Amino acid sequence: MRVIVLPITLSPPAREDDAIELARPVKLRLGLDAEPSWIGLSEGNDVIRPGPDLRFVPGQGPQTVAPGFLAPRLFRAVRDRFAARVRAKGSGFVRRISGD
Protein backbone atom coordinates (compact mmCIF):
# COMPACT_ATOMS: atom_id res chain seq x y z
CA MET A 1 0.00 0.00 0.00
CA ARG A 2 1.28 3.49 -0.85
CA VAL A 3 -0.40 6.56 0.58
CA ILE A 4 0.43 10.26 0.50
CA VAL A 5 -0.33 11.85 3.87
CA LEU A 6 -0.58 15.62 4.22
CA PRO A 7 0.06 17.15 7.65
CA ILE A 8 -2.55 18.86 9.77
CA THR A 9 -1.02 21.70 11.75
CA LEU A 10 -2.09 24.28 14.31
CA SER A 11 0.35 26.83 12.84
CA PRO A 12 -1.09 29.25 10.28
CA PRO A 13 0.64 28.98 6.90
CA ALA A 14 3.25 31.56 5.91
CA ARG A 15 1.44 31.91 2.57
CA GLU A 16 -2.28 31.40 2.04
CA ASP A 17 -1.74 28.91 -0.81
CA ASP A 18 0.45 26.69 1.42
CA ALA A 19 -2.55 25.21 3.26
CA ILE A 20 -6.31 24.75 3.45
CA GLU A 21 -8.01 25.66 6.72
CA LEU A 22 -10.22 23.00 8.28
CA ALA A 23 -13.63 24.19 9.44
CA ARG A 24 -14.37 23.58 13.11
CA PRO A 25 -17.25 21.12 12.40
CA VAL A 26 -14.91 19.05 10.20
CA LYS A 27 -12.27 18.92 12.94
CA LEU A 28 -14.80 17.89 15.57
CA ARG A 29 -16.25 15.17 13.30
CA LEU A 30 -12.72 13.80 12.86
CA GLY A 31 -12.16 13.75 16.62
CA LEU A 32 -9.71 16.66 16.60
CA ASP A 33 -9.73 19.67 18.91
CA ALA A 34 -11.62 22.87 18.10
CA GLU A 35 -8.51 25.06 17.61
CA PRO A 36 -7.89 26.48 14.10
CA SER A 37 -5.94 24.01 11.95
CA TRP A 38 -4.72 23.73 8.38
CA ILE A 39 -3.93 20.89 5.98
CA GLY A 40 -0.43 21.62 4.70
CA LEU A 41 0.07 21.53 0.93
CA SER A 42 3.81 22.20 0.70
CA GLU A 43 4.97 18.68 1.57
CA GLY A 44 3.41 15.23 1.65
CA ASN A 45 4.63 12.13 3.45
CA ASP A 46 4.95 9.15 1.10
CA VAL A 47 3.93 6.31 3.44
CA ILE A 48 4.26 2.72 2.26
CA ARG A 49 2.64 1.02 5.24
CA PRO A 50 0.88 2.00 8.47
CA GLY A 51 2.91 3.49 11.29
CA PRO A 52 3.15 6.82 13.16
CA ASP A 53 1.71 8.81 10.23
CA LEU A 54 -0.98 6.31 9.30
CA ARG A 55 -2.69 3.80 11.58
CA PHE A 56 -5.44 1.21 11.17
CA VAL A 57 -8.76 2.04 12.79
CA PRO A 58 -8.87 -0.17 15.92
CA GLY A 59 -10.82 -3.38 15.33
CA GLN A 60 -10.98 -2.92 11.57
CA GLY A 61 -8.88 -4.18 8.67
CA PRO A 62 -6.04 -2.60 6.70
CA GLN A 63 -8.42 -0.89 4.28
CA THR A 64 -9.38 1.48 7.13
CA VAL A 65 -6.32 3.55 7.87
CA ALA A 66 -8.04 6.77 8.92
CA PRO A 67 -10.40 7.57 11.80
CA GLY A 68 -12.64 9.54 9.46
CA PHE A 69 -12.99 10.90 5.99
CA LEU A 70 -13.14 14.37 4.52
CA ALA A 71 -16.30 15.33 2.70
CA PRO A 72 -15.85 14.65 -1.04
CA ARG A 73 -15.79 18.35 -1.94
CA LEU A 74 -13.08 19.15 0.64
CA PHE A 75 -11.10 16.03 -0.31
CA ARG A 76 -11.16 17.01 -4.00
CA ALA A 77 -10.03 20.57 -3.13
CA VAL A 78 -7.09 19.25 -1.07
CA ARG A 79 -6.18 16.61 -3.68
CA ASP A 80 -6.42 18.99 -6.63
CA ARG A 81 -4.49 21.82 -5.00
CA PHE A 82 -1.74 19.47 -3.79
CA ALA A 83 -1.49 17.77 -7.21
CA ALA A 84 -1.27 21.15 -8.96
CA ARG A 85 1.55 22.18 -6.62
CA VAL A 86 3.42 18.92 -7.26
CA ARG A 87 3.11 19.43 -11.03
CA ALA A 88 4.40 23.01 -10.61
CA LYS A 89 7.20 21.75 -8.32
CA GLY A 90 5.74 23.78 -5.45
CA SER A 91 5.37 20.71 -3.21
CA GLY A 92 7.58 17.77 -2.40
CA PHE A 93 7.52 14.37 -0.77
CA VAL A 94 9.26 12.87 2.22
CA ARG A 95 9.48 9.07 2.02
CA ARG A 96 8.40 7.38 5.24
CA ILE A 97 8.77 3.65 5.79
CA SER A 98 6.61 3.28 8.85
CA GLY A 99 6.62 0.41 11.29
CA ASP A 100 10.37 -0.28 11.07
C-alpha atoms as a PDB file:
ATOM      1  CA  MET A   1       0.000   0.000   0.000  1.00  0.00           C
ATOM      2  CA  ARG A   2       1.283   3.486  -0.848  1.00  0.00           C
ATOM      3  CA  VAL A   3      -0.402   6.562   0.575  1.00  0.00           C
ATOM      4  CA  ILE A   4       0.432  10.259   0.500  1.00  0.00           C
ATOM      5  CA  VAL A   5      -0.335  11.851   3.874  1.00  0.00           C
ATOM      6  CA  LEU A   6      -0.584  15.615   4.225  1.00  0.00           C
ATOM      7  CA  PRO A   7       0.062  17.148   7.650  1.00  0.00           C
ATOM      8  CA  ILE A   8      -2.552  18.864   9.770  1.00  0.00           C
ATOM      9  CA  THR A   9      -1.017  21.701  11.751  1.00  0.00           C
ATOM     10  CA  LEU A  10      -2.095  24.284  14.311  1.00  0.00           C
ATOM     11  CA  SER A  11       0.348  26.825  12.836  1.00  0.00           C
ATOM     12  CA  PRO A  12      -1.087  29.247  10.284  1.00  0.00           C
ATOM     13  CA  PRO A  13       0.637  28.984   6.903  1.00  0.00           C
ATOM     14  CA  ALA A  14       3.247  31.559   5.908  1.00  0.00           C
ATOM     15  CA  ARG A  15       1.435  31.911   2.567  1.00  0.00           C
ATOM     16  CA  GLU A  16      -2.283  31.404   2.036  1.00  0.00           C
ATOM     17  CA  ASP A  17      -1.745  28.911  -0.805  1.00  0.00           C
ATOM     18  CA  ASP A  18       0.448  26.686   1.416  1.00  0.00           C
ATOM     19  CA  ALA A  19      -2.551  25.212   3.255  1.00  0.00           C
ATOM     20  CA  ILE A  20      -6.315  24.751   3.452  1.00  0.00           C
ATOM     21  CA  GLU A  21      -8.007  25.658   6.719  1.00  0.00           C
ATOM     22  CA  LEU A  22     -10.217  23.000   8.282  1.00  0.00           C
ATOM     23  CA  ALA A  23     -13.630  24.190   9.443  1.00  0.00           C
ATOM     24  CA  ARG A  24     -14.371  23.576  13.113  1.00  0.00           C
ATOM     25  CA  PRO A  25     -17.249  21.118  12.402  1.00  0.00           C
ATOM     26  CA  VAL A  26     -14.913  19.045  10.199  1.00  0.00           C
ATOM     27  CA  LYS A  27     -12.274  18.923  12.939  1.00  0.00           C
ATOM     28  CA  LEU A  28     -14.799  17.887  15.571  1.00  0.00           C
ATOM     29  CA  ARG A  29     -16.248  15.166  13.303  1.00  0.00           C
ATOM     30  CA  LEU A  30     -12.717  13.798  12.856  1.00  0.00           C
ATOM     31  CA  GLY A  31     -12.161  13.752  16.618  1.00  0.00           C
ATOM     32  CA  LEU A  32      -9.708  16.663  16.604  1.00  0.00           C
ATOM     33  CA  ASP A  33      -9.726  19.674  18.912  1.00  0.00           C
ATOM     34  CA  ALA A  34     -11.616  22.868  18.096  1.00  0.00           C
ATOM     35  CA  GLU A  35      -8.515  25.055  17.608  1.00  0.00           C
ATOM     36  CA  PRO A  36      -7.891  26.476  14.101  1.00  0.00           C
ATOM     37  CA  SER A  37      -5.943  24.007  11.945  1.00  0.00           C
ATOM     38  CA  TRP A  38      -4.723  23.728   8.384  1.00  0.00           C
ATOM     39  CA  ILE A  39      -3.925  20.891   5.984  1.00  0.00           C
ATOM     40  CA  GLY A  40      -0.429  21.623   4.698  1.00  0.00           C
ATOM     41  CA  LEU A  41       0.067  21.532   0.934  1.00  0.00           C
ATOM     42  CA  SER A  42       3.805  22.201   0.702  1.00  0.00           C
ATOM     43  CA  GLU A  43       4.973  18.676   1.572  1.00  0.00           C
ATOM     44  CA  GLY A  44       3.412  15.229   1.653  1.00  0.00           C
ATOM     45  CA  ASN A  45       4.632  12.129   3.448  1.00  0.00           C
ATOM     46  CA  ASP A  46       4.952   9.152   1.098  1.00  0.00           C
ATOM     47  CA  VAL A  47       3.933   6.313   3.438  1.00  0.00           C
ATOM     48  CA  ILE A  48       4.264   2.724   2.259  1.00  0.00           C
ATOM     49  CA  ARG A  49       2.640   1.022   5.243  1.00  0.00           C
ATOM     50  CA  PRO A  50       0.876   1.996   8.468  1.00  0.00           C
ATOM     51  CA  GLY A  51       2.914   3.491  11.294  1.00  0.00           C
ATOM     52  CA  PRO A  52       3.146   6.822  13.160  1.00  0.00           C
ATOM     53  CA  ASP A  53       1.714   8.813  10.227  1.00  0.00           C
ATOM     54  CA  LEU A  54      -0.981   6.310   9.296  1.00  0.00           C
ATOM     55  CA  ARG A  55      -2.686   3.799  11.579  1.00  0.00           C
ATOM     56  CA  PHE A  56      -5.439   1.206  11.174  1.00  0.00           C
ATOM     57  CA  VAL A  57      -8.760   2.037  12.792  1.00  0.00           C
ATOM     58  CA  PRO A  58      -8.874  -0.173  15.921  1.00  0.00           C
ATOM     59  CA  GLY A  59     -10.819  -3.380  15.334  1.00  0.00           C
ATOM     60  CA  GLN A  60     -10.981  -2.922  11.566  1.00  0.00           C
ATOM     61  CA  GLY A  61      -8.883  -4.180   8.667  1.00  0.00           C
ATOM     62  CA  PRO A  62      -6.041  -2.600   6.696  1.00  0.00           C
ATOM     63  CA  GLN A  63      -8.423  -0.891   4.283  1.00  0.00           C
ATOM     64  CA  THR A  64      -9.383   1.480   7.128  1.00  0.00           C
ATOM     65  CA  VAL A  65      -6.317   3.554   7.867  1.00  0.00           C
ATOM     66  CA  ALA A  66      -8.038   6.771   8.915  1.00  0.00           C
ATOM     67  CA  PRO A  67     -10.395   7.575  11.805  1.00  0.00           C
ATOM     68  CA  GLY A  68     -12.639   9.543   9.462  1.00  0.00           C
ATOM     69  CA  PHE A  69     -12.990  10.900   5.986  1.00  0.00           C
ATOM     70  CA  LEU A  70     -13.142  14.369   4.515  1.00  0.00           C
ATOM     71  CA  ALA A  71     -16.303  15.329   2.697  1.00  0.00           C
ATOM     72  CA  PRO A  72     -15.849  14.650  -1.042  1.00  0.00           C
ATOM     73  CA  ARG A  73     -15.789  18.351  -1.937  1.00  0.00           C
ATOM     74  CA  LEU A  74     -13.075  19.146   0.636  1.00  0.00           C
ATOM     75  CA  PHE A  75     -11.096  16.029  -0.306  1.00  0.00           C
ATOM     76  CA  ARG A  76     -11.164  17.014  -3.997  1.00  0.00           C
ATOM     77  CA  ALA A  77     -10.034  20.575  -3.126  1.00  0.00           C
ATOM     78  CA  VAL A  78      -7.091  19.254  -1.066  1.00  0.00           C
ATOM     79  CA  ARG A  79      -6.181  16.614  -3.681  1.00  0.00           C
ATOM     80  CA  ASP A  80      -6.422  18.986  -6.626  1.00  0.00           C
ATOM     81  CA  ARG A  81      -4.486  21.824  -4.999  1.00  0.00           C
ATOM     82  CA  PHE A  82      -1.736  19.473  -3.790  1.00  0.00           C
ATOM     83  CA  ALA A  83      -1.491  17.772  -7.214  1.00  0.00           C
ATOM     84  CA  ALA A  84      -1.271  21.149  -8.955  1.00  0.00           C
ATOM     85  CA  ARG A  85       1.550  22.181  -6.619  1.00  0.00           C
ATOM     86  CA  VAL A  86       3.416  18.919  -7.262  1.00  0.00           C
ATOM     87  CA  ARG A  87       3.105  19.435 -11.028  1.00  0.00           C
ATOM     88  CA  ALA A  88       4.399  23.007 -10.614  1.00  0.00           C
ATOM     89  CA  LYS A  89       7.199  21.750  -8.317  1.00  0.00           C
ATOM     90  CA  GLY A  90       5.741  23.781  -5.446  1.00  0.00           C
ATOM     91  CA  SER A  91       5.372  20.708  -3.206  1.00  0.00           C
ATOM     92  CA  GLY A  92       7.581  17.773  -2.403  1.00  0.00           C
ATOM     93  CA  PHE A  93       7.516  14.375  -0.773  1.00  0.00           C
ATOM     94  CA  VAL A  94       9.258  12.869   2.221  1.00  0.00           C
ATOM     95  CA  ARG A  95       9.482   9.074   2.022  1.00  0.00           C
ATOM     96  CA  ARG A  96       8.402   7.382   5.244  1.00  0.00           C
ATOM     97  CA  ILE A  97       8.773   3.653   5.791  1.00  0.00           C
ATOM     98  CA  SER A  98       6.606   3.276   8.855  1.00  0.00           C
ATOM     99  CA  GLY A  99       6.623   0.412  11.288  1.00  0.00           C
ATOM    100  CA  ASP A 100      10.373  -0.283  11.073  1.00  0.00           C
END
